[in-house]
Amino acid sequence: MLTGAMNSTRRTKPLSRTSALPVSVEDDLACPGGKRVVLRGRVTVADAAEFKRVAVALAGGNSPVTVDCTSATHLDAAAVQVVIALGRAVEESGRRCVVEAG
């Protein structure tokens, strides 16, 4: 599950990051009301804390989630673990989670 100790300053940051960074969140135009997590380039253990923060926020929401890996060139084990945990948490709450790969 995606719960766990997180400091309060992390929880107050916005969900999305600039497009130059490997993890961003946007509205999913293909699924009205849904959210899309876009992974770009190499997503490694160095990005895992930020990716987990985004995933925890999405898991606690009420929107369906799509994880878009089509622009990712590499996901290391830490990134894959976050994708799996996010999918489980979203589906356990009765919502849909789709992972897209290219």
N, C-alpha and C. Protein backbone atom coordinates (compact mmCIF):
# COMPACT_ATOMS: atom_id res chain seq x y z
N MET A 1 0.84 -1.17 0.00
CA MET A 1 0.00 0.00 0.00
C MET A 1 0.89 1.24 0.00
N LEU A 2 0.34 2.35 -0.39
CA LEU A 2 1.13 3.56 -0.56
C LEU A 2 1.12 4.48 0.65
N THR A 3 0.62 4.04 1.76
CA THR A 3 0.63 4.90 2.93
C THR A 3 2.00 4.84 3.58
N GLY A 4 2.25 5.76 4.45
CA GLY A 4 3.54 5.74 5.12
C GLY A 4 3.89 7.11 5.64
N ALA A 5 4.97 7.18 6.35
CA ALA A 5 5.41 8.44 6.93
C ALA A 5 5.94 9.36 5.84
N MET A 6 5.37 10.53 5.78
CA MET A 6 5.84 11.56 4.85
C MET A 6 5.82 12.87 5.62
N ASN A 7 6.84 13.69 5.44
CA ASN A 7 6.84 14.94 6.19
C ASN A 7 5.80 15.88 5.62
N SER A 8 5.31 16.79 6.43
CA SER A 8 4.20 17.65 6.04
C SER A 8 4.56 18.61 4.92
N THR A 9 5.82 18.98 4.76
CA THR A 9 6.16 19.88 3.67
C THR A 9 6.00 19.20 2.32
N ARG A 10 6.18 17.92 2.25
CA ARG A 10 5.99 17.17 1.00
C ARG A 10 4.52 17.14 0.60
N ARG A 11 3.63 17.04 1.56
CA ARG A 11 2.20 16.92 1.25
C ARG A 11 1.61 18.21 0.72
N THR A 12 2.23 19.33 0.94
CA THR A 12 1.65 20.60 0.53
C THR A 12 2.07 21.03 -0.87
N LYS A 13 2.99 20.31 -1.51
CA LYS A 13 3.43 20.66 -2.85
C LYS A 13 2.35 20.29 -3.86
N PRO A 14 2.30 20.99 -4.99
CA PRO A 14 1.34 20.63 -6.03
C PRO A 14 1.65 19.26 -6.62
N LEU A 15 0.64 18.63 -7.23
CA LEU A 15 0.82 17.30 -7.78
C LEU A 15 1.74 17.26 -8.99
N SER A 16 1.72 18.26 -9.82
CA SER A 16 2.46 18.16 -11.06
C SER A 16 3.82 18.83 -10.97
N ARG A 17 4.71 18.40 -11.87
CA ARG A 17 6.04 18.98 -11.98
C ARG A 17 6.19 19.51 -13.39
N THR A 18 7.25 20.24 -13.64
CA THR A 18 7.46 20.75 -14.99
C THR A 18 7.76 19.59 -15.93
N SER A 19 7.51 19.80 -17.21
CA SER A 19 7.64 18.72 -18.17
C SER A 19 9.08 18.26 -18.35
N ALA A 20 10.08 19.04 -17.93
CA ALA A 20 11.48 18.64 -18.07
C ALA A 20 11.84 17.53 -17.07
N LEU A 21 11.05 17.34 -16.05
CA LEU A 21 11.32 16.32 -15.05
C LEU A 21 10.59 15.03 -15.42
N PRO A 22 11.04 13.87 -14.91
CA PRO A 22 10.52 12.59 -15.39
C PRO A 22 9.11 12.21 -14.95
N VAL A 23 8.52 12.92 -13.99
CA VAL A 23 7.18 12.57 -13.51
C VAL A 23 6.30 13.82 -13.54
N SER A 24 5.15 13.71 -14.20
CA SER A 24 4.19 14.81 -14.18
C SER A 24 2.78 14.25 -14.13
N VAL A 25 1.84 15.08 -13.72
CA VAL A 25 0.43 14.68 -13.64
C VAL A 25 -0.39 15.69 -14.43
N GLU A 26 -1.32 15.17 -15.21
CA GLU A 26 -2.20 16.04 -15.98
C GLU A 26 -3.59 15.42 -16.03
N ASP A 27 -4.56 16.19 -16.47
CA ASP A 27 -5.89 15.65 -16.68
C ASP A 27 -5.84 14.66 -17.84
N ASP A 28 -6.58 13.58 -17.73
CA ASP A 28 -6.60 12.57 -18.78
C ASP A 28 -7.73 12.89 -19.74
N LEU A 29 -7.40 13.42 -20.90
CA LEU A 29 -8.40 13.82 -21.87
C LEU A 29 -9.16 12.63 -22.44
N ALA A 30 -8.56 11.44 -22.42
CA ALA A 30 -9.22 10.24 -22.92
C ALA A 30 -10.21 9.66 -21.92
N CYS A 31 -10.12 10.09 -20.67
CA CYS A 31 -10.98 9.57 -19.61
C CYS A 31 -11.48 10.76 -18.78
N PRO A 32 -12.64 11.32 -19.11
CA PRO A 32 -13.12 12.50 -18.39
C PRO A 32 -13.12 12.28 -16.86
N GLY A 33 -12.53 13.24 -16.15
CA GLY A 33 -12.41 13.15 -14.70
C GLY A 33 -11.20 12.37 -14.23
N GLY A 34 -10.49 11.75 -15.15
CA GLY A 34 -9.34 10.93 -14.79
C GLY A 34 -8.05 11.74 -14.73
N LYS A 35 -7.06 11.14 -14.14
CA LYS A 35 -5.73 11.73 -14.04
C LYS A 35 -4.74 10.85 -14.78
N ARG A 36 -3.73 11.47 -15.39
CA ARG A 36 -2.70 10.77 -16.15
C ARG A 36 -1.34 11.12 -15.54
N VAL A 37 -0.61 10.08 -15.11
CA VAL A 37 0.76 10.24 -14.65
C VAL A 37 1.63 9.95 -15.85
N VAL A 38 2.44 10.92 -16.25
CA VAL A 38 3.30 10.76 -17.42
C VAL A 38 4.74 10.58 -16.94
N LEU A 39 5.35 9.46 -17.35
CA LEU A 39 6.74 9.18 -17.01
C LEU A 39 7.56 9.39 -18.28
N ARG A 40 8.64 10.18 -18.16
CA ARG A 40 9.48 10.50 -19.33
C ARG A 40 10.94 10.15 -19.06
N GLY A 41 11.61 9.68 -20.10
CA GLY A 41 13.04 9.41 -19.98
C GLY A 41 13.33 8.32 -18.99
N ARG A 42 14.42 8.49 -18.25
CA ARG A 42 14.82 7.53 -17.23
C ARG A 42 14.16 7.89 -15.90
N VAL A 43 13.44 6.94 -15.33
CA VAL A 43 12.84 7.12 -14.01
C VAL A 43 13.54 6.13 -13.10
N THR A 44 14.34 6.66 -12.18
CA THR A 44 15.21 5.82 -11.36
C THR A 44 14.92 6.02 -9.87
N VAL A 45 15.72 5.37 -9.06
CA VAL A 45 15.58 5.49 -7.62
C VAL A 45 15.70 6.96 -7.18
N ALA A 46 16.45 7.75 -7.93
CA ALA A 46 16.59 9.17 -7.60
C ALA A 46 15.26 9.91 -7.73
N ASP A 47 14.35 9.40 -8.55
CA ASP A 47 13.04 10.01 -8.76
C ASP A 47 11.94 9.33 -7.96
N ALA A 48 12.25 8.23 -7.30
CA ALA A 48 11.23 7.40 -6.65
C ALA A 48 10.48 8.14 -5.55
N ALA A 49 11.14 8.97 -4.77
CA ALA A 49 10.46 9.67 -3.68
C ALA A 49 9.41 10.63 -4.24
N GLU A 50 9.75 11.36 -5.29
CA GLU A 50 8.80 12.27 -5.92
C GLU A 50 7.66 11.49 -6.57
N PHE A 51 7.97 10.42 -7.26
CA PHE A 51 6.96 9.59 -7.89
C PHE A 51 6.03 9.01 -6.83
N LYS A 52 6.58 8.56 -5.72
CA LYS A 52 5.75 8.01 -4.64
C LYS A 52 4.84 9.10 -4.06
N ARG A 53 5.35 10.32 -3.91
CA ARG A 53 4.52 11.41 -3.38
C ARG A 53 3.33 11.66 -4.30
N VAL A 54 3.58 11.67 -5.59
CA VAL A 54 2.52 11.85 -6.58
C VAL A 54 1.53 10.68 -6.49
N ALA A 55 2.06 9.46 -6.40
CA ALA A 55 1.22 8.27 -6.35
C ALA A 55 0.34 8.24 -5.10
N VAL A 56 0.90 8.62 -3.96
CA VAL A 56 0.11 8.65 -2.72
C VAL A 56 -1.05 9.63 -2.85
N ALA A 57 -0.80 10.79 -3.43
CA ALA A 57 -1.87 11.77 -3.61
C ALA A 57 -2.95 11.24 -4.55
N LEU A 58 -2.56 10.59 -5.63
CA LEU A 58 -3.53 10.04 -6.57
C LEU A 58 -4.29 8.86 -5.97
N ALA A 59 -3.60 8.03 -5.20
CA ALA A 59 -4.26 6.87 -4.57
C ALA A 59 -5.33 7.31 -3.59
N GLY A 60 -5.12 8.47 -2.96
CA GLY A 60 -6.09 8.99 -2.01
C GLY A 60 -7.23 9.75 -2.65
N GLY A 61 -7.20 9.92 -3.95
CA GLY A 61 -8.23 10.67 -4.65
C GLY A 61 -9.40 9.79 -5.04
N ASN A 62 -10.23 10.31 -5.95
CA ASN A 62 -11.38 9.53 -6.39
C ASN A 62 -11.46 9.41 -7.91
N SER A 63 -10.37 9.71 -8.61
CA SER A 63 -10.33 9.66 -10.07
C SER A 63 -9.70 8.37 -10.56
N PRO A 64 -10.13 7.90 -11.73
CA PRO A 64 -9.38 6.82 -12.36
C PRO A 64 -8.00 7.34 -12.75
N VAL A 65 -7.03 6.45 -12.85
CA VAL A 65 -5.64 6.86 -13.10
C VAL A 65 -5.07 6.08 -14.29
N THR A 66 -4.36 6.79 -15.14
CA THR A 66 -3.59 6.17 -16.22
C THR A 66 -2.12 6.50 -15.98
N VAL A 67 -1.27 5.49 -16.01
CA VAL A 67 0.17 5.69 -15.92
C VAL A 67 0.71 5.55 -17.34
N ASP A 68 1.17 6.65 -17.90
CA ASP A 68 1.64 6.70 -19.28
C ASP A 68 3.15 6.53 -19.31
N CYS A 69 3.61 5.36 -19.73
CA CYS A 69 5.04 5.06 -19.80
C CYS A 69 5.55 5.13 -21.23
N THR A 70 4.75 5.64 -22.17
CA THR A 70 5.13 5.62 -23.58
C THR A 70 6.35 6.48 -23.87
N SER A 71 6.63 7.48 -23.04
CA SER A 71 7.80 8.33 -23.25
C SER A 71 8.96 7.98 -22.32
N ALA A 72 8.79 6.93 -21.53
CA ALA A 72 9.86 6.49 -20.63
C ALA A 72 10.83 5.60 -21.39
N THR A 73 12.10 5.81 -21.14
CA THR A 73 13.12 4.97 -21.77
C THR A 73 13.66 3.92 -20.81
N HIS A 74 13.46 4.13 -19.50
CA HIS A 74 13.96 3.20 -18.50
C HIS A 74 13.18 3.40 -17.20
N LEU A 75 12.69 2.32 -16.63
CA LEU A 75 12.11 2.33 -15.29
C LEU A 75 12.92 1.35 -14.46
N ASP A 76 13.54 1.84 -13.38
CA ASP A 76 14.28 0.89 -12.55
C ASP A 76 13.32 0.23 -11.57
N ALA A 77 13.83 -0.66 -10.74
CA ALA A 77 12.99 -1.44 -9.83
C ALA A 77 12.17 -0.55 -8.91
N ALA A 78 12.73 0.54 -8.43
CA ALA A 78 11.99 1.44 -7.53
C ALA A 78 10.79 2.05 -8.24
N ALA A 79 10.97 2.46 -9.49
CA ALA A 79 9.87 3.04 -10.25
C ALA A 79 8.78 2.01 -10.53
N VAL A 80 9.19 0.79 -10.88
CA VAL A 80 8.23 -0.28 -11.13
C VAL A 80 7.42 -0.59 -9.87
N GLN A 81 8.07 -0.59 -8.71
CA GLN A 81 7.37 -0.82 -7.45
C GLN A 81 6.30 0.24 -7.21
N VAL A 82 6.60 1.49 -7.52
CA VAL A 82 5.61 2.56 -7.33
C VAL A 82 4.44 2.37 -8.29
N VAL A 83 4.71 2.00 -9.53
CA VAL A 83 3.64 1.76 -10.51
C VAL A 83 2.72 0.65 -10.00
N ILE A 84 3.29 -0.45 -9.54
CA ILE A 84 2.49 -1.58 -9.05
C ILE A 84 1.68 -1.18 -7.83
N ALA A 85 2.30 -0.50 -6.87
CA ALA A 85 1.59 -0.09 -5.65
C ALA A 85 0.46 0.89 -5.98
N LEU A 86 0.70 1.81 -6.91
CA LEU A 86 -0.34 2.76 -7.30
C LEU A 86 -1.51 2.01 -7.92
N GLY A 87 -1.22 1.09 -8.83
CA GLY A 87 -2.29 0.31 -9.46
C GLY A 87 -3.12 -0.45 -8.46
N ARG A 88 -2.47 -1.09 -7.52
CA ARG A 88 -3.19 -1.84 -6.48
C ARG A 88 -4.06 -0.93 -5.63
N ALA A 89 -3.49 0.19 -5.20
CA ALA A 89 -4.23 1.11 -4.32
C ALA A 89 -5.46 1.69 -5.04
N VAL A 90 -5.29 2.08 -6.30
CA VAL A 90 -6.40 2.65 -7.06
C VAL A 90 -7.48 1.60 -7.27
N GLU A 91 -7.10 0.40 -7.67
CA GLU A 91 -8.09 -0.65 -7.93
C GLU A 91 -8.76 -1.14 -6.66
N GLU A 92 -8.04 -1.16 -5.53
CA GLU A 92 -8.64 -1.55 -4.26
C GLU A 92 -9.72 -0.57 -3.82
N SER A 93 -9.63 0.67 -4.30
CA SER A 93 -10.65 1.66 -3.94
C SER A 93 -11.79 1.66 -4.96
N GLY A 94 -11.78 0.69 -5.87
CA GLY A 94 -12.88 0.55 -6.82
C GLY A 94 -12.75 1.41 -8.08
N ARG A 95 -11.57 1.98 -8.29
CA ARG A 95 -11.35 2.80 -9.49
C ARG A 95 -10.50 2.03 -10.48
N ARG A 96 -10.40 2.57 -11.66
CA ARG A 96 -9.64 1.93 -12.72
C ARG A 96 -8.23 2.52 -12.78
N CYS A 97 -7.24 1.64 -12.98
CA CYS A 97 -5.87 2.08 -13.20
C CYS A 97 -5.35 1.35 -14.43
N VAL A 98 -4.87 2.12 -15.41
CA VAL A 98 -4.35 1.57 -16.66
C VAL A 98 -2.89 1.99 -16.79
N VAL A 99 -2.04 1.06 -17.20
CA VAL A 99 -0.64 1.36 -17.49
C VAL A 99 -0.45 1.25 -18.99
N GLU A 100 0.02 2.33 -19.61
CA GLU A 100 0.27 2.34 -21.04
C GLU A 100 1.78 2.30 -21.28
N ALA A 101 2.19 1.42 -22.18
CA ALA A 101 3.60 1.32 -22.54
C ALA A 101 3.70 1.32 -24.06
N GLY A 102 4.85 1.76 -24.55
CA GLY A 102 5.01 1.82 -26.01
C GLY A 102 6.10 0.93 -26.51
